[in-house]
Amino acid sequence: MGGIVFVMVEVVLDRHRLEDQRHFEAAIQDFPEILDCWAIGGRIDYLMRVSSPSMAAYQDFMEELLQAGLGIEQYYSLVVTKPVKSNSPVPLSALRQR
């Protein structure tokens, strides 16, 4: 798709209580720019895939997200430069236990 910027966004919450996680997870449902969001372990709490018509619009969106009171302490933007492989179904053979 031309004219669309995809950004992977690593999100760190300022608090890690269950109610804070639930609040964040419920609130992001209302943002259509967030295409996917995964809770992950490690140094960050969530990984989101965000779409935007431009980098300037993406920055405006992130500022809106920060002002929304979701408890975001930090975020890191990783701009997708080109798709290499996407929308691939999980092969059934990968789901079999060995």
C-alpha atoms as a PDB file:
ATOM      1  CA  MET A   1       0.000   0.000   0.000  1.00  0.00           C
ATOM      2  CA  GLY A   2       1.507   3.307  -1.015  1.00  0.00           C
ATOM      3  CA  GLY A   3       1.264   6.376   1.143  1.00  0.00           C
ATOM      4  CA  ILE A   4       0.997   4.555   4.464  1.00  0.00           C
ATOM      5  CA  VAL A   5       3.684   4.447   7.133  1.00  0.00           C
ATOM      6  CA  PHE A   6       3.867   1.425   9.430  1.00  0.00           C
ATOM      7  CA  VAL A   7       5.644   1.786  12.743  1.00  0.00           C
ATOM      8  CA  MET A   8       6.375  -0.872  15.329  1.00  0.00           C
ATOM      9  CA  VAL A   9       6.074   0.798  18.720  1.00  0.00           C
ATOM     10  CA  GLU A  10       7.609  -0.616  21.884  1.00  0.00           C
ATOM     11  CA  VAL A  11       5.681   0.601  24.936  1.00  0.00           C
ATOM     12  CA  VAL A  12       6.803   0.649  28.571  1.00  0.00           C
ATOM     13  CA  LEU A  13       4.166   1.409  31.195  1.00  0.00           C
ATOM     14  CA  ASP A  14       5.012   3.509  34.232  1.00  0.00           C
ATOM     15  CA  ARG A  15       3.333   0.999  36.578  1.00  0.00           C
ATOM     16  CA  HIS A  16       2.947  -2.732  36.227  1.00  0.00           C
ATOM     17  CA  ARG A  17      -0.109  -3.479  38.308  1.00  0.00           C
ATOM     18  CA  LEU A  18      -2.779  -5.683  36.746  1.00  0.00           C
ATOM     19  CA  GLU A  19      -5.308  -2.824  36.759  1.00  0.00           C
ATOM     20  CA  ASP A  20      -2.847  -0.591  34.859  1.00  0.00           C
ATOM     21  CA  GLN A  21      -2.328  -3.266  32.226  1.00  0.00           C
ATOM     22  CA  ARG A  22      -6.075  -3.828  31.887  1.00  0.00           C
ATOM     23  CA  HIS A  23      -6.663  -0.073  31.564  1.00  0.00           C
ATOM     24  CA  PHE A  24      -4.058   0.231  28.798  1.00  0.00           C
ATOM     25  CA  GLU A  25      -5.320  -2.852  26.953  1.00  0.00           C
ATOM     26  CA  ALA A  26      -8.947  -1.675  27.056  1.00  0.00           C
ATOM     27  CA  ALA A  27      -8.156   1.909  26.072  1.00  0.00           C
ATOM     28  CA  ILE A  28      -6.109   1.094  22.975  1.00  0.00           C
ATOM     29  CA  GLN A  29      -9.090  -0.730  21.461  1.00  0.00           C
ATOM     30  CA  ASP A  30     -10.522   2.715  20.603  1.00  0.00           C
ATOM     31  CA  PHE A  31      -7.575   3.734  18.388  1.00  0.00           C
ATOM     32  CA  PRO A  32      -7.961   2.397  14.820  1.00  0.00           C
ATOM     33  CA  GLU A  33      -4.360   3.423  14.039  1.00  0.00           C
ATOM     34  CA  ILE A  34      -3.212   0.582  16.306  1.00  0.00           C
ATOM     35  CA  LEU A  35      -3.513  -2.437  14.043  1.00  0.00           C
ATOM     36  CA  ASP A  36      -2.016  -4.992  16.425  1.00  0.00           C
ATOM     37  CA  CYS A  37      -0.820  -5.022  20.011  1.00  0.00           C
ATOM     38  CA  TRP A  38       0.980  -7.795  21.827  1.00  0.00           C
ATOM     39  CA  ALA A  39       1.820  -8.031  25.544  1.00  0.00           C
ATOM     40  CA  ILE A  40       5.386  -9.295  25.727  1.00  0.00           C
ATOM     41  CA  GLY A  41       7.977 -10.183  28.320  1.00  0.00           C
ATOM     42  CA  GLY A  42      11.351  -8.547  28.685  1.00  0.00           C
ATOM     43  CA  ARG A  43      12.402  -4.920  28.832  1.00  0.00           C
ATOM     44  CA  ILE A  44       9.204  -3.628  27.225  1.00  0.00           C
ATOM     45  CA  ASP A  45       5.564  -4.315  28.067  1.00  0.00           C
ATOM     46  CA  TYR A  46       3.805  -4.099  24.699  1.00  0.00           C
ATOM     47  CA  LEU A  47       4.633  -4.152  21.024  1.00  0.00           C
ATOM     48  CA  MET A  48       2.175  -2.368  18.743  1.00  0.00           C
ATOM     49  CA  ARG A  49       1.909  -2.114  14.970  1.00  0.00           C
ATOM     50  CA  VAL A  50       0.639   1.345  14.060  1.00  0.00           C
ATOM     51  CA  SER A  51      -0.379   2.712  10.665  1.00  0.00           C
ATOM     52  CA  SER A  52      -0.305   6.369   9.692  1.00  0.00           C
ATOM     53  CA  PRO A  53      -0.548   8.435   6.512  1.00  0.00           C
ATOM     54  CA  SER A  54       2.795  10.143   7.298  1.00  0.00           C
ATOM     55  CA  MET A  55       5.509  10.411   9.927  1.00  0.00           C
ATOM     56  CA  ALA A  56       4.135  13.818  10.985  1.00  0.00           C
ATOM     57  CA  ALA A  57       0.682  12.265  11.483  1.00  0.00           C
ATOM     58  CA  TYR A  58       2.295   9.394  13.406  1.00  0.00           C
ATOM     59  CA  GLN A  59       4.002  11.837  15.760  1.00  0.00           C
ATOM     60  CA  ASP A  60       0.690  13.667  16.298  1.00  0.00           C
ATOM     61  CA  PHE A  61      -0.963  10.325  17.052  1.00  0.00           C
ATOM     62  CA  MET A  62       1.708   9.384  19.589  1.00  0.00           C
ATOM     63  CA  GLU A  63       1.346  12.746  21.321  1.00  0.00           C
ATOM     64  CA  GLU A  64      -2.415  12.120  21.512  1.00  0.00           C
ATOM     65  CA  LEU A  65      -1.767   8.656  22.929  1.00  0.00           C
ATOM     66  CA  LEU A  66       0.602  10.071  25.568  1.00  0.00           C
ATOM     67  CA  GLN A  67      -2.023  12.636  26.598  1.00  0.00           C
ATOM     68  CA  ALA A  68      -4.750   9.973  26.869  1.00  0.00           C
ATOM     69  CA  GLY A  69      -3.703   8.905  30.365  1.00  0.00           C
ATOM     70  CA  LEU A  70      -2.798   5.334  29.483  1.00  0.00           C
ATOM     71  CA  GLY A  71       0.212   5.171  31.795  1.00  0.00           C
ATOM     72  CA  ILE A  72       2.839   5.146  29.057  1.00  0.00           C
ATOM     73  CA  GLU A  73       6.241   5.917  30.559  1.00  0.00           C
ATOM     74  CA  GLN A  74       8.323   5.456  27.410  1.00  0.00           C
ATOM     75  CA  TYR A  75       7.882   4.416  23.831  1.00  0.00           C
ATOM     76  CA  TYR A  76      10.310   3.537  21.074  1.00  0.00           C
ATOM     77  CA  SER A  77       9.461   3.831  17.375  1.00  0.00           C
ATOM     78  CA  LEU A  78      10.770   1.400  14.781  1.00  0.00           C
ATOM     79  CA  VAL A  79       9.825   2.514  11.275  1.00  0.00           C
ATOM     80  CA  VAL A  80       9.078  -0.248   8.799  1.00  0.00           C
ATOM     81  CA  THR A  81      11.149   0.444   5.680  1.00  0.00           C
ATOM     82  CA  LYS A  82       9.785  -2.419   3.586  1.00  0.00           C
ATOM     83  CA  PRO A  83       7.732  -5.538   4.137  1.00  0.00           C
ATOM     84  CA  VAL A  84       9.728  -8.711   3.731  1.00  0.00           C
ATOM     85  CA  LYS A  85       7.099 -11.233   4.780  1.00  0.00           C
ATOM     86  CA  SER A  86       3.678 -10.502   6.206  1.00  0.00           C
ATOM     87  CA  ASN A  87       0.193 -11.926   6.678  1.00  0.00           C
ATOM     88  CA  SER A  88       1.479 -15.454   6.546  1.00  0.00           C
ATOM     89  CA  PRO A  89      -0.722 -18.057   8.200  1.00  0.00           C
ATOM     90  CA  VAL A  90       0.847 -20.205  10.898  1.00  0.00           C
ATOM     91  CA  PRO A  91       1.657 -23.557   9.276  1.00  0.00           C
ATOM     92  CA  LEU A  92      -0.216 -26.398  10.956  1.00  0.00           C
ATOM     93  CA  SER A  93       2.981 -28.430  11.094  1.00  0.00           C
ATOM     94  CA  ALA A  94       4.469 -25.774  13.408  1.00  0.00           C
ATOM     95  CA  LEU A  95       1.679 -26.384  15.921  1.00  0.00           C
ATOM     96  CA  ARG A  96       2.404 -30.096  16.337  1.00  0.00           C
ATOM     97  CA  GLN A  97       4.308 -31.098  19.428  1.00  0.00           C
ATOM     98  CA  ARG A  98       7.558 -32.900  18.826  1.00  0.00           C
END
